[in-house]
PDB file of N, CA and C in Angstrom:
ATOM      1  N   MET A   1     -76.905   6.218 -48.806  1.00  0.00           N
ATOM      2  CA  MET A   1     -76.143   6.388 -49.889  1.00  0.00           C
ATOM      3  C   MET A   1     -75.725   7.915 -50.029  1.00  0.00           C
ATOM      4  N   ILE A   2     -74.493   8.157 -50.471  1.00  0.00           N
ATOM      5  CA  ILE A   2     -73.876   9.312 -50.608  1.00  0.00           C
ATOM      6  C   ILE A   2     -74.038   9.711 -52.010  1.00  0.00           C
ATOM      7  N   ASN A   3     -74.698  10.952 -52.263  1.00  0.00           N
ATOM      8  CA  ASN A   3     -74.937  11.444 -53.681  1.00  0.00           C
ATOM      9  C   ASN A   3     -73.497  12.307 -54.122  1.00  0.00           C
ATOM     10  N   LYS A   4     -73.093  11.639 -55.013  1.00  0.00           N
ATOM     11  CA  LYS A   4     -71.867  12.059 -55.604  1.00  0.00           C
ATOM     12  C   LYS A   4     -72.189  13.179 -56.742  1.00  0.00           C
ATOM     13  N   LYS A   5     -71.731  14.214 -56.833  1.00  0.00           N
ATOM     14  CA  LYS A   5     -71.942  15.652 -57.543  1.00  0.00           C
ATOM     15  C   LYS A   5     -70.696  15.721 -58.360  1.00  0.00           C
ATOM     16  N   LYS A   6     -70.752  15.780 -59.686  1.00  0.00           N
ATOM     17  CA  LYS A   6     -69.778  16.041 -60.537  1.00  0.00           C
ATOM     18  C   LYS A   6     -69.304  17.488 -60.271  1.00  0.00           C
ATOM     19  N   ILE A   7     -68.076  17.712 -59.983  1.00  0.00           N
ATOM     20  CA  ILE A   7     -67.396  19.098 -60.045  1.00  0.00           C
ATOM     21  C   ILE A   7     -66.767  19.776 -61.265  1.00  0.00           C
ATOM     22  N   PHE A   8     -67.217  20.787 -61.743  1.00  0.00           N
ATOM     23  CA  PHE A   8     -66.743  21.322 -62.811  1.00  0.00           C
ATOM     24  C   PHE A   8     -65.781  22.363 -62.466  1.00  0.00           C
ATOM     25  N   PHE A   9     -64.764  22.516 -63.422  1.00  0.00           N
ATOM     26  CA  PHE A   9     -63.744  23.863 -63.154  1.00  0.00           C
ATOM     27  C   PHE A   9     -63.654  24.564 -64.377  1.00  0.00           C
ATOM     28  N   LYS A  10     -63.789  25.928 -63.975  1.00  0.00           N
ATOM     29  CA  LYS A  10     -63.567  26.887 -64.926  1.00  0.00           C
ATOM     30  C   LYS A  10     -62.539  27.853 -64.523  1.00  0.00           C
ATOM     31  N   ASN A  11     -61.408  27.970 -65.217  1.00  0.00           N
ATOM     32  CA  ASN A  11     -60.272  28.881 -65.023  1.00  0.00           C
ATOM     33  C   ASN A  11     -59.656  28.257 -63.831  1.00  0.00           C
ATOM     34  N   ASN A  12     -59.672  26.941 -63.408  1.00  0.00           N
ATOM     35  CA  ASN A  12     -58.796  26.199 -62.400  1.00  0.00           C
ATOM     36  C   ASN A  12     -59.711  26.608 -61.201  1.00  0.00           C
ATOM     37  N   ILE A  13     -60.969  26.906 -61.157  1.00  0.00           N
ATOM     38  CA  ILE A  13     -61.703  27.290 -59.746  1.00  0.00           C
ATOM     39  C   ILE A  13     -62.843  26.152 -59.934  1.00  0.00           C
ATOM     40  N   ALA A  14     -63.032  25.557 -58.932  1.00  0.00           N
ATOM     41  CA  ALA A  14     -64.129  24.714 -58.778  1.00  0.00           C
ATOM     42  C   ALA A  14     -65.646  25.418 -58.697  1.00  0.00           C
ATOM     43  N   SER A  15     -66.620  25.237 -59.347  1.00  0.00           N
ATOM     44  CA  SER A  15     -67.565  25.844 -59.186  1.00  0.00           C
ATOM     45  C   SER A  15     -68.463  25.407 -58.017  1.00  0.00           C
ATOM     46  N   CYS A  16     -69.112  26.049 -57.282  1.00  0.00           N
ATOM     47  CA  CYS A  16     -69.858  25.749 -56.052  1.00  0.00           C
ATOM     48  C   CYS A  16     -70.867  26.877 -56.029  1.00  0.00           C
ATOM     49  N   PHE A  17     -71.931  26.659 -55.117  1.00  0.00           N
ATOM     50  CA  PHE A  17     -73.039  27.597 -54.789  1.00  0.00           C
ATOM     51  C   PHE A  17     -72.477  29.047 -54.671  1.00  0.00           C
ATOM     52  N   SER A  18     -71.377  29.367 -53.824  1.00  0.00           N
ATOM     53  CA  SER A  18     -70.813  30.773 -53.698  1.00  0.00           C
ATOM     54  C   SER A  18     -70.556  31.391 -54.999  1.00  0.00           C
ATOM     55  N   TYR A  19     -70.321  30.618 -56.046  1.00  0.00           N
ATOM     56  CA  TYR A  19     -69.859  31.269 -57.205  1.00  0.00           C
ATOM     57  C   TYR A  19     -70.875  31.368 -58.320  1.00  0.00           C
ATOM     58  N   LEU A  20     -72.164  30.783 -58.002  1.00  0.00           N
ATOM     59  CA  LEU A  20     -73.204  30.835 -58.785  1.00  0.00           C
ATOM     60  C   LEU A  20     -74.220  31.886 -58.247  1.00  0.00           C
ATOM     61  N   ARG A  21     -74.142  32.406 -57.015  1.00  0.00           N
ATOM     62  CA  ARG A  21     -74.929  33.385 -56.601  1.00  0.00           C
ATOM     63  C   ARG A  21     -74.219  34.851 -56.754  1.00  0.00           C
ATOM     64  N   LYS A  22     -75.075  35.803 -56.815  1.00  0.00           N
ATOM     65  CA  LYS A  22     -74.386  37.271 -56.923  1.00  0.00           C
ATOM     66  C   LYS A  22     -73.905  37.594 -55.674  1.00  0.00           C
ATOM     67  N   ARG A  23     -72.788  38.327 -55.381  1.00  0.00           N
ATOM     68  CA  ARG A  23     -72.310  38.637 -54.070  1.00  0.00           C
ATOM     69  C   ARG A  23     -71.916  40.105 -54.372  1.00  0.00           C
ATOM     70  N   LYS A  24     -72.138  40.929 -53.439  1.00  0.00           N
ATOM     71  CA  LYS A  24     -71.693  42.338 -53.187  1.00  0.00           C
ATOM     72  C   LYS A  24     -70.400  42.364 -52.703  1.00  0.00           C
ATOM     73  N   VAL A  25     -69.403  42.949 -53.573  1.00  0.00           N
ATOM     74  CA  VAL A  25     -68.033  42.823 -53.181  1.00  0.00           C
ATOM     75  C   VAL A  25     -67.643  44.338 -53.118  1.00  0.00           C
ATOM     76  N   GLY A  26     -66.887  44.779 -52.078  1.00  0.00           N
ATOM     77  CA  GLY A  26     -66.207  46.280 -51.698  1.00  0.00           C
ATOM     78  C   GLY A  26     -64.784  45.899 -52.116  1.00  0.00           C
ATOM     79  N   ILE A  27     -64.154  47.015 -52.767  1.00  0.00           N
ATOM     80  CA  ILE A  27     -62.617  47.024 -52.978  1.00  0.00           C
ATOM     81  C   ILE A  27     -62.076  48.086 -52.138  1.00  0.00           C
ATOM     82  N   LEU A  28     -61.096  47.807 -51.518  1.00  0.00           N
ATOM     83  CA  LEU A  28     -60.235  48.702 -50.696  1.00  0.00           C
ATOM     84  C   LEU A  28     -58.771  48.653 -51.157  1.00  0.00           C
ATOM     85  N   GLY A  29     -58.460  49.513 -51.876  1.00  0.00           N
ATOM     86  CA  GLY A  29     -57.072  49.521 -52.394  1.00  0.00           C
ATOM     87  C   GLY A  29     -56.174  50.477 -51.789  1.00  0.00           C
ATOM     88  N   GLY A  30     -54.927  50.101 -51.899  1.00  0.00           N
ATOM     89  CA  GLY A  30     -53.872  51.041 -51.039  1.00  0.00           C
ATOM     90  C   GLY A  30     -52.416  50.339 -50.912  1.00  0.00           C
ATOM     91  N   SER A  31     -51.668  51.105 -50.488  1.00  0.00           N
ATOM     92  CA  SER A  31     -50.400  50.498 -50.118  1.00  0.00           C
ATOM     93  C   SER A  31     -50.368  49.844 -48.835  1.00  0.00           C
ATOM     94  N   PHE A  32     -51.117  50.120 -47.790  1.00  0.00           N
ATOM     95  CA  PHE A  32     -51.229  49.229 -46.582  1.00  0.00           C
ATOM     96  C   PHE A  32     -49.866  49.384 -45.752  1.00  0.00           C
ATOM     97  N   ASN A  33     -49.343  50.475 -45.870  1.00  0.00           N
ATOM     98  CA  ASN A  33     -48.000  50.725 -45.162  1.00  0.00           C
ATOM     99  C   ASN A  33     -48.049  51.550 -44.022  1.00  0.00           C
ATOM    100  N   PRO A  34     -48.352  50.873 -42.869  1.00  0.00           N
ATOM    101  CA  PRO A  34     -48.692  49.427 -42.672  1.00  0.00           C
ATOM    102  C   PRO A  34     -50.235  49.139 -42.574  1.00  0.00           C
ATOM    103  N   ALA A  35     -50.832  48.268 -42.899  1.00  0.00           N
ATOM    104  CA  ALA A  35     -51.981  47.488 -42.695  1.00  0.00           C
ATOM    105  C   ALA A  35     -52.412  47.801 -41.087  1.00  0.00           C
ATOM    106  N   HIS A  36     -53.665  48.377 -40.967  1.00  0.00           N
ATOM    107  CA  HIS A  36     -53.693  48.961 -39.413  1.00  0.00           C
ATOM    108  C   HIS A  36     -55.361  48.726 -39.066  1.00  0.00           C
ATOM    109  N   ALA A  37     -55.781  48.904 -37.853  1.00  0.00           N
ATOM    110  CA  ALA A  37     -57.152  48.830 -37.331  1.00  0.00           C
ATOM    111  C   ALA A  37     -57.939  49.635 -38.232  1.00  0.00           C
ATOM    112  N   GLY A  38     -57.477  50.728 -38.673  1.00  0.00           N
ATOM    113  CA  GLY A  38     -58.439  51.708 -39.369  1.00  0.00           C
ATOM    114  C   GLY A  38     -58.816  51.005 -40.670  1.00  0.00           C
ATOM    115  N   HIS A  39     -58.113  50.397 -41.220  1.00  0.00           N
ATOM    116  CA  HIS A  39     -58.448  49.490 -42.608  1.00  0.00           C
ATOM    117  C   HIS A  39     -59.431  48.470 -42.280  1.00  0.00           C
ATOM    118  N   VAL A  40     -59.198  47.870 -41.218  1.00  0.00           N
ATOM    119  CA  VAL A  40     -60.442  46.962 -40.588  1.00  0.00           C
ATOM    120  C   VAL A  40     -61.652  47.623 -40.337  1.00  0.00           C
ATOM    121  N   HIS A  41     -61.461  48.629 -39.822  1.00  0.00           N
ATOM    122  CA  HIS A  41     -62.676  49.463 -39.377  1.00  0.00           C
ATOM    123  C   HIS A  41     -63.510  49.917 -40.543  1.00  0.00           C
ATOM    124  N   ILE A  42     -62.804  50.381 -41.656  1.00  0.00           N
ATOM    125  CA  ILE A  42     -63.387  50.830 -42.983  1.00  0.00           C
ATOM    126  C   ILE A  42     -64.041  49.972 -43.505  1.00  0.00           C
ATOM    127  N   SER A  43     -63.603  48.599 -43.396  1.00  0.00           N
ATOM    128  CA  SER A  43     -64.060  47.290 -44.019  1.00  0.00           C
ATOM    129  C   SER A  43     -65.395  47.117 -43.437  1.00  0.00           C
ATOM    130  N   GLU A  44     -65.273  47.141 -42.155  1.00  0.00           N
ATOM    131  CA  GLU A  44     -66.535  46.588 -41.136  1.00  0.00           C
ATOM    132  C   GLU A  44     -67.662  47.468 -41.395  1.00  0.00           C
ATOM    133  N   THR A  45     -67.382  49.075 -41.426  1.00  0.00           N
ATOM    134  CA  THR A  45     -68.348  50.038 -41.904  1.00  0.00           C
ATOM    135  C   THR A  45     -68.912  49.720 -43.217  1.00  0.00           C
ATOM    136  N   ALA A  46     -68.021  49.634 -44.079  1.00  0.00           N
ATOM    137  CA  ALA A  46     -68.625  49.536 -45.392  1.00  0.00           C
ATOM    138  C   ALA A  46     -69.341  48.192 -45.604  1.00  0.00           C
ATOM    139  N   LYS A  47     -68.989  47.018 -45.121  1.00  0.00           N
ATOM    140  CA  LYS A  47     -69.897  45.753 -45.086  1.00  0.00           C
ATOM    141  C   LYS A  47     -71.278  45.993 -44.412  1.00  0.00           C
ATOM    142  N   THR A  48     -71.249  46.579 -43.283  1.00  0.00           N
ATOM    143  CA  THR A  48     -72.486  46.765 -42.790  1.00  0.00           C
ATOM    144  C   THR A  48     -73.451  47.992 -43.591  1.00  0.00           C
ATOM    145  N   ALA A  49     -72.854  48.986 -43.614  1.00  0.00           N
ATOM    146  CA  ALA A  49     -73.569  50.143 -44.370  1.00  0.00           C
ATOM    147  C   ALA A  49     -74.098  49.722 -45.731  1.00  0.00           C
ATOM    148  N   LEU A  50     -73.236  49.286 -46.613  1.00  0.00           N
ATOM    149  CA  LEU A  50     -73.554  48.747 -47.980  1.00  0.00           C
ATOM    150  C   LEU A  50     -74.055  47.366 -48.194  1.00  0.00           C
ATOM    151  N   GLY A  51     -74.254  46.379 -47.093  1.00  0.00           N
ATOM    152  CA  GLY A  51     -74.501  45.224 -47.191  1.00  0.00           C
ATOM    153  C   GLY A  51     -73.794  44.528 -48.037  1.00  0.00           C
ATOM    154  N   LEU A  52     -72.356  44.406 -48.061  1.00  0.00           N
ATOM    155  CA  LEU A  52     -71.383  43.595 -48.663  1.00  0.00           C
ATOM    156  C   LEU A  52     -71.357  42.143 -48.189  1.00  0.00           C
ATOM    157  N   ASP A  53     -71.114  41.456 -49.060  1.00  0.00           N
ATOM    158  CA  ASP A  53     -70.624  39.900 -48.481  1.00  0.00           C
ATOM    159  C   ASP A  53     -69.158  39.802 -48.360  1.00  0.00           C
ATOM    160  N   GLU A  54     -68.264  40.638 -49.278  1.00  0.00           N
ATOM    161  CA  GLU A  54     -67.041  40.679 -48.804  1.00  0.00           C
ATOM    162  C   GLU A  54     -66.379  41.852 -49.237  1.00  0.00           C
ATOM    163  N   VAL A  55     -65.174  42.141 -48.665  1.00  0.00           N
ATOM    164  CA  VAL A  55     -64.477  43.374 -49.073  1.00  0.00           C
ATOM    165  C   VAL A  55     -62.851  42.594 -49.391  1.00  0.00           C
ATOM    166  N   TRP A  56     -62.595  43.221 -50.442  1.00  0.00           N
ATOM    167  CA  TRP A  56     -61.332  42.621 -51.031  1.00  0.00           C
ATOM    168  C   TRP A  56     -60.223  43.830 -50.679  1.00  0.00           C
ATOM    169  N   TRP A  57     -59.254  43.626 -50.509  1.00  0.00           N
ATOM    170  CA  TRP A  57     -58.141  44.315 -50.120  1.00  0.00           C
ATOM    171  C   TRP A  57     -56.958  44.239 -51.273  1.00  0.00           C
ATOM    172  N   LEU A  58     -56.908  45.263 -51.793  1.00  0.00           N
ATOM    173  CA  LEU A  58     -55.810  45.031 -53.181  1.00  0.00           C
ATOM    174  C   LEU A  58     -54.482  46.081 -52.511  1.00  0.00           C
ATOM    175  N   VAL A  59     -53.659  45.301 -52.151  1.00  0.00           N
ATOM    176  CA  VAL A  59     -52.280  45.803 -51.856  1.00  0.00           C
ATOM    177  C   VAL A  59     -51.491  46.069 -52.917  1.00  0.00           C
ATOM    178  N   ALA A  60     -51.327  47.527 -53.057  1.00  0.00           N
ATOM    179  CA  ALA A  60     -50.207  47.915 -54.215  1.00  0.00           C
ATOM    180  C   ALA A  60     -48.899  47.679 -54.058  1.00  0.00           C
ATOM    181  N   PRO A  61     -48.271  47.423 -55.084  1.00  0.00           N
ATOM    182  CA  PRO A  61     -46.888  47.452 -55.050  1.00  0.00           C
ATOM    183  C   PRO A  61     -46.053  48.579 -54.670  1.00  0.00           C
ATOM    184  N   GLN A  62     -46.703  49.686 -55.208  1.00  0.00           N
ATOM    185  CA  GLN A  62     -46.111  50.985 -54.726  1.00  0.00           C
ATOM    186  C   GLN A  62     -47.359  52.244 -55.287  1.00  0.00           C
ATOM    187  N   ASN A  63     -47.645  52.787 -54.156  1.00  0.00           N
ATOM    188  CA  ASN A  63     -48.495  54.054 -54.527  1.00  0.00           C
ATOM    189  C   ASN A  63     -47.907  55.227 -55.270  1.00  0.00           C
ATOM    190  N   ARG A  64     -48.547  55.435 -56.236  1.00  0.00           N
ATOM    191  CA  ARG A  64     -47.829  56.584 -57.101  1.00  0.00           C
ATOM    192  C   ARG A  64     -47.671  57.904 -56.321  1.00  0.00           C
ATOM    193  N   LEU A  65     -48.584  58.120 -55.251  1.00  0.00           N
ATOM    194  CA  LEU A  65     -48.613  59.285 -54.787  1.00  0.00           C
ATOM    195  C   LEU A  65     -47.668  59.355 -53.442  1.00  0.00           C
ATOM    196  N   LYS A  66     -46.943  58.159 -53.383  1.00  0.00           N
ATOM    197  CA  LYS A  66     -46.092  58.224 -52.118  1.00  0.00           C
ATOM    198  C   LYS A  66     -44.724  57.919 -52.639  1.00  0.00           C
ATOM    199  N   SER A  67     -43.941  58.276 -51.633  1.00  0.00           N
ATOM    200  CA  SER A  67     -42.445  58.081 -52.032  1.00  0.00           C
ATOM    201  C   SER A  67     -42.179  56.632 -51.439  1.00  0.00           C
ATOM    202  N   SER A  68     -41.091  55.999 -52.201  1.00  0.00           N
ATOM    203  CA  SER A  68     -41.001  54.522 -51.904  1.00  0.00           C
ATOM    204  C   SER A  68     -39.828  54.678 -50.673  1.00  0.00           C
ATOM    205  N   LEU A  69     -39.274  55.844 -50.066  1.00  0.00           N
ATOM    206  CA  LEU A  69     -38.493  55.882 -49.144  1.00  0.00           C
ATOM    207  C   LEU A  69     -39.228  55.668 -47.931  1.00  0.00           C
ATOM    208  N   GLY A  70     -38.820  54.765 -46.959  1.00  0.00           N
ATOM    209  CA  GLY A  70     -39.342  54.474 -45.834  1.00  0.00           C
ATOM    210  C   GLY A  70     -40.673  53.329 -45.969  1.00  0.00           C
ATOM    211  N   MET A  71     -41.007  52.942 -47.299  1.00  0.00           N
ATOM    212  CA  MET A  71     -41.870  51.978 -47.598  1.00  0.00           C
ATOM    213  C   MET A  71     -41.526  50.587 -47.467  1.00  0.00           C
ATOM    214  N   GLU A  72     -41.977  49.823 -46.527  1.00  0.00           N
ATOM    215  CA  GLU A  72     -41.743  48.472 -46.258  1.00  0.00           C
ATOM    216  C   GLU A  72     -41.881  47.409 -47.790  1.00  0.00           C
ATOM    217  N   SER A  73     -41.346  46.506 -47.517  1.00  0.00           N
ATOM    218  CA  SER A  73     -41.193  45.769 -48.859  1.00  0.00           C
ATOM    219  C   SER A  73     -42.672  45.266 -49.201  1.00  0.00           C
ATOM    220  N   PHE A  74     -43.167  44.805 -50.533  1.00  0.00           N
ATOM    221  CA  PHE A  74     -44.303  44.354 -50.740  1.00  0.00           C
ATOM    222  C   PHE A  74     -44.788  43.394 -50.168  1.00  0.00           C
ATOM    223  N   SER A  75     -43.765  42.325 -50.134  1.00  0.00           N
ATOM    224  CA  SER A  75     -44.192  41.028 -49.270  1.00  0.00           C
ATOM    225  C   SER A  75     -44.305  41.181 -47.822  1.00  0.00           C
ATOM    226  N   ASP A  76     -43.738  42.173 -47.080  1.00  0.00           N
ATOM    227  CA  ASP A  76     -43.881  42.430 -45.797  1.00  0.00           C
ATOM    228  C   ASP A  76     -45.177  42.828 -45.418  1.00  0.00           C
ATOM    229  N   ARG A  77     -45.743  43.966 -46.491  1.00  0.00           N
ATOM    230  CA  ARG A  77     -47.031  44.624 -46.439  1.00  0.00           C
ATOM    231  C   ARG A  77     -48.068  43.568 -46.510  1.00  0.00           C
ATOM    232  N   LEU A  78     -48.208  42.856 -47.574  1.00  0.00           N
ATOM    233  CA  LEU A  78     -49.065  41.801 -47.970  1.00  0.00           C
ATOM    234  C   LEU A  78     -49.097  40.911 -46.655  1.00  0.00           C
ATOM    235  N   SER A  79     -47.938  40.207 -46.190  1.00  0.00           N
ATOM    236  CA  SER A  79     -48.101  39.299 -45.035  1.00  0.00           C
ATOM    237  C   SER A  79     -48.694  40.011 -43.773  1.00  0.00           C
ATOM    238  N   GLN A  80     -48.607  41.241 -43.737  1.00  0.00           N
ATOM    239  CA  GLN A  80     -49.002  42.084 -42.478  1.00  0.00           C
ATOM    240  C   GLN A  80     -50.533  42.196 -42.629  1.00  0.00           C
ATOM    241  N   ALA A  81     -50.958  42.419 -43.827  1.00  0.00           N
ATOM    242  CA  ALA A  81     -52.471  42.621 -44.370  1.00  0.00           C
ATOM    243  C   ALA A  81     -53.116  41.355 -43.715  1.00  0.00           C
ATOM    244  N   ARG A  82     -52.401  40.257 -44.373  1.00  0.00           N
ATOM    245  CA  ARG A  82     -53.260  38.849 -44.352  1.00  0.00           C
ATOM    246  C   ARG A  82     -53.450  38.458 -42.851  1.00  0.00           C
ATOM    247  N   SER A  83     -52.235  38.686 -41.956  1.00  0.00           N
ATOM    248  CA  SER A  83     -52.044  38.385 -40.716  1.00  0.00           C
ATOM    249  C   SER A  83     -53.333  39.302 -39.889  1.00  0.00           C
ATOM    250  N   LEU A  84     -53.359  40.545 -40.075  1.00  0.00           N
ATOM    251  CA  LEU A  84     -54.249  41.539 -39.403  1.00  0.00           C
ATOM    252  C   LEU A  84     -55.737  40.871 -39.766  1.00  0.00           C
ATOM    253  N   THR A  85     -56.048  40.290 -41.067  1.00  0.00           N
ATOM    254  CA  THR A  85     -57.231  40.086 -41.154  1.00  0.00           C
ATOM    255  C   THR A  85     -57.691  38.367 -41.046  1.00  0.00           C
ATOM    256  N   GLU A  86     -56.792  37.605 -40.530  1.00  0.00           N
ATOM    257  CA  GLU A  86     -57.127  36.276 -40.458  1.00  0.00           C
ATOM    258  C   GLU A  86     -58.522  36.039 -39.797  1.00  0.00           C
ATOM    259  N   ASN A  87     -58.833  36.633 -38.883  1.00  0.00           N
ATOM    260  CA  ASN A  87     -60.043  36.415 -38.043  1.00  0.00           C
ATOM    261  C   ASN A  87     -61.207  37.121 -38.696  1.00  0.00           C
ATOM    262  N   PHE A  88     -60.899  37.705 -39.974  1.00  0.00           N
ATOM    263  CA  PHE A  88     -62.412  38.646 -40.594  1.00  0.00           C
ATOM    264  C   PHE A  88     -62.485  37.799 -41.846  1.00  0.00           C
ATOM    265  N   ASN A  89     -63.274  36.575 -41.851  1.00  0.00           N
ATOM    266  CA  ASN A  89     -63.581  35.796 -43.083  1.00  0.00           C
ATOM    267  C   ASN A  89     -63.967  36.476 -44.259  1.00  0.00           C
ATOM    268  N   TYR A  90     -64.672  37.688 -44.101  1.00  0.00           N
ATOM    269  CA  TYR A  90     -65.192  38.269 -45.164  1.00  0.00           C
ATOM    270  C   TYR A  90     -64.129  39.299 -45.824  1.00  0.00           C
ATOM    271  N   ILE A  91     -63.052  39.500 -45.365  1.00  0.00           N
ATOM    272  CA  ILE A  91     -61.883  40.291 -45.961  1.00  0.00           C
ATOM    273  C   ILE A  91     -60.951  39.376 -46.718  1.00  0.00           C
ATOM    274  N   LYS A  92     -60.565  39.666 -47.888  1.00  0.00           N
ATOM    275  CA  LYS A  92     -59.755  38.973 -48.696  1.00  0.00           C
ATOM    276  C   LYS A  92     -58.701  39.705 -49.102  1.00  0.00           C
ATOM    277  N   VAL A  93     -57.342  39.296 -48.970  1.00  0.00           N
ATOM    278  CA  VAL A  93     -56.234  40.149 -49.198  1.00  0.00           C
ATOM    279  C   VAL A  93     -55.810  39.492 -50.547  1.00  0.00           C
ATOM    280  N   PHE A  94     -55.537  40.412 -51.478  1.00  0.00           N
ATOM    281  CA  PHE A  94     -54.976  40.067 -52.890  1.00  0.00           C
ATOM    282  C   PHE A  94     -53.722  40.830 -53.388  1.00  0.00           C
ATOM    283  N   ASP A  95     -52.920  40.369 -54.202  1.00  0.00           N
ATOM    284  CA  ASP A  95     -51.945  40.989 -54.615  1.00  0.00           C
ATOM    285  C   ASP A  95     -51.904  41.039 -56.268  1.00  0.00           C
ATOM    286  N   LEU A  96     -53.046  41.312 -56.571  1.00  0.00           N
ATOM    287  CA  LEU A  96     -53.252  41.445 -58.025  1.00  0.00           C
ATOM    288  C   LEU A  96     -52.480  42.310 -58.881  1.00  0.00           C
ATOM    289  N   GLU A  97     -52.252  43.423 -58.402  1.00  0.00           N
ATOM    290  CA  GLU A  97     -51.398  44.231 -59.121  1.00  0.00           C
ATOM    291  C   GLU A  97     -50.026  43.804 -59.314  1.00  0.00           C
ATOM    292  N   GLN A  98     -49.389  43.166 -58.216  1.00  0.00           N
ATOM    293  CA  GLN A  98     -48.214  42.431 -58.309  1.00  0.00           C
ATOM    294  C   GLN A  98     -47.881  41.283 -59.143  1.00  0.00           C
ATOM    295  N   LYS A  99     -49.128  40.499 -59.211  1.00  0.00           N
ATOM    296  CA  LYS A  99     -49.184  39.282 -60.137  1.00  0.00           C
ATOM    297  C   LYS A  99     -49.265  39.678 -61.619  1.00  0.00           C
ATOM    298  N   LYS A 100     -50.126  40.808 -61.629  1.00  0.00           N
ATOM    299  CA  LYS A 100     -50.412  41.091 -63.237  1.00  0.00           C
ATOM    300  C   LYS A 100     -49.308  42.106 -63.623  1.00  0.00           C
ATOM    301  N   GLN A 101     -48.261  42.474 -62.840  1.00  0.00           N
ATOM    302  CA  GLN A 101     -47.506  43.572 -63.181  1.00  0.00           C
ATOM    303  C   GLN A 101     -48.128  44.803 -63.719  1.00  0.00           C
ATOM    304  N   THR A 102     -49.242  45.231 -63.155  1.00  0.00           N
ATOM    305  CA  THR A 102     -49.873  46.673 -63.494  1.00  0.00           C
ATOM    306  C   THR A 102     -49.989  47.385 -62.291  1.00  0.00           C
ATOM    307  N   ILE A 103     -50.087  48.718 -62.703  1.00  0.00           N
ATOM    308  CA  ILE A 103     -50.255  49.528 -61.470  1.00  0.00           C
ATOM    309  C   ILE A 103     -51.505  50.352 -61.889  1.00  0.00           C
ATOM    310  N   TYR A 104     -52.480  50.098 -61.028  1.00  0.00           N
ATOM    311  CA  TYR A 104     -53.832  50.828 -61.072  1.00  0.00           C
ATOM    312  C   TYR A 104     -53.860  51.924 -59.843  1.00  0.00           C
ATOM    313  N   PHE A 105     -54.667  53.033 -60.220  1.00  0.00           N
ATOM    314  CA  PHE A 105     -54.623  54.033 -59.210  1.00  0.00           C
ATOM    315  C   PHE A 105     -55.970  53.804 -58.397  1.00  0.00           C
ATOM    316  N   LEU A 106     -55.756  53.181 -57.248  1.00  0.00           N
ATOM    317  CA  LEU A 106     -56.756  52.806 -56.140  1.00  0.00           C
ATOM    318  C   LEU A 106     -56.371  53.433 -54.962  1.00  0.00           C
ATOM    319  N   PRO A 107     -56.214  54.567 -54.551  1.00  0.00           N
ATOM    320  CA  PRO A 107     -55.814  55.176 -53.338  1.00  0.00           C
ATOM    321  C   PRO A 107     -57.117  55.084 -52.339  1.00  0.00           C
ATOM    322  N   ASN A 108     -56.971  53.966 -51.405  1.00  0.00           N
ATOM    323  CA  ASN A 108     -57.788  54.014 -50.301  1.00  0.00           C
ATOM    324  C   ASN A 108     -59.131  54.309 -50.554  1.00  0.00           C
ATOM    325  N   CYS A 109     -59.770  53.715 -51.708  1.00  0.00           N
ATOM    326  CA  CYS A 109     -61.149  53.771 -51.826  1.00  0.00           C
ATOM    327  C   CYS A 109     -61.961  52.471 -51.885  1.00  0.00           C
ATOM    328  N   ILE A 110     -63.234  52.594 -51.594  1.00  0.00           N
ATOM    329  CA  ILE A 110     -64.057  51.537 -51.707  1.00  0.00           C
ATOM    330  C   ILE A 110     -65.055  51.565 -53.017  1.00  0.00           C
ATOM    331  N   PHE A 111     -65.138  50.591 -53.890  1.00  0.00           N
ATOM    332  CA  PHE A 111     -65.953  50.686 -54.936  1.00  0.00           C
ATOM    333  C   PHE A 111     -67.030  49.543 -54.703  1.00  0.00           C
ATOM    334  N   PHE A 112     -68.212  49.633 -55.086  1.00  0.00           N
ATOM    335  CA  PHE A 112     -68.934  48.568 -55.037  1.00  0.00           C
ATOM    336  C   PHE A 112     -70.202  48.724 -56.182  1.00  0.00           C
ATOM    337  N   ASN A 113     -70.656  47.600 -56.483  1.00  0.00           N
ATOM    338  CA  ASN A 113     -71.929  47.586 -57.561  1.00  0.00           C
ATOM    339  C   ASN A 113     -73.105  47.067 -56.862  1.00  0.00           C
TER     340      ASN A 113
END
């Protein structure tokens, strides 16, 4: 007999074991213009050195410290970052700043807790 477990949703996200345990997450923010192997190397190094479960890439719509001249479109940079990391299941690429219409100052830094 199959044991049917009721699934609860909070904020439209199904709760499961991965959401109930504490995860160590590193955040790598920047313009990713373009995303390249160096970003992956930083992520791998941080994951190993800090014992991270995940590394989140936050692709910024525009870096305040860089000119928009020669900058690829946001959608192209986001797409390129996702393509580059498709074989690295611990790297998650997000467009939070674009979706929330906010600009945070995250110049290629890794934060962890």
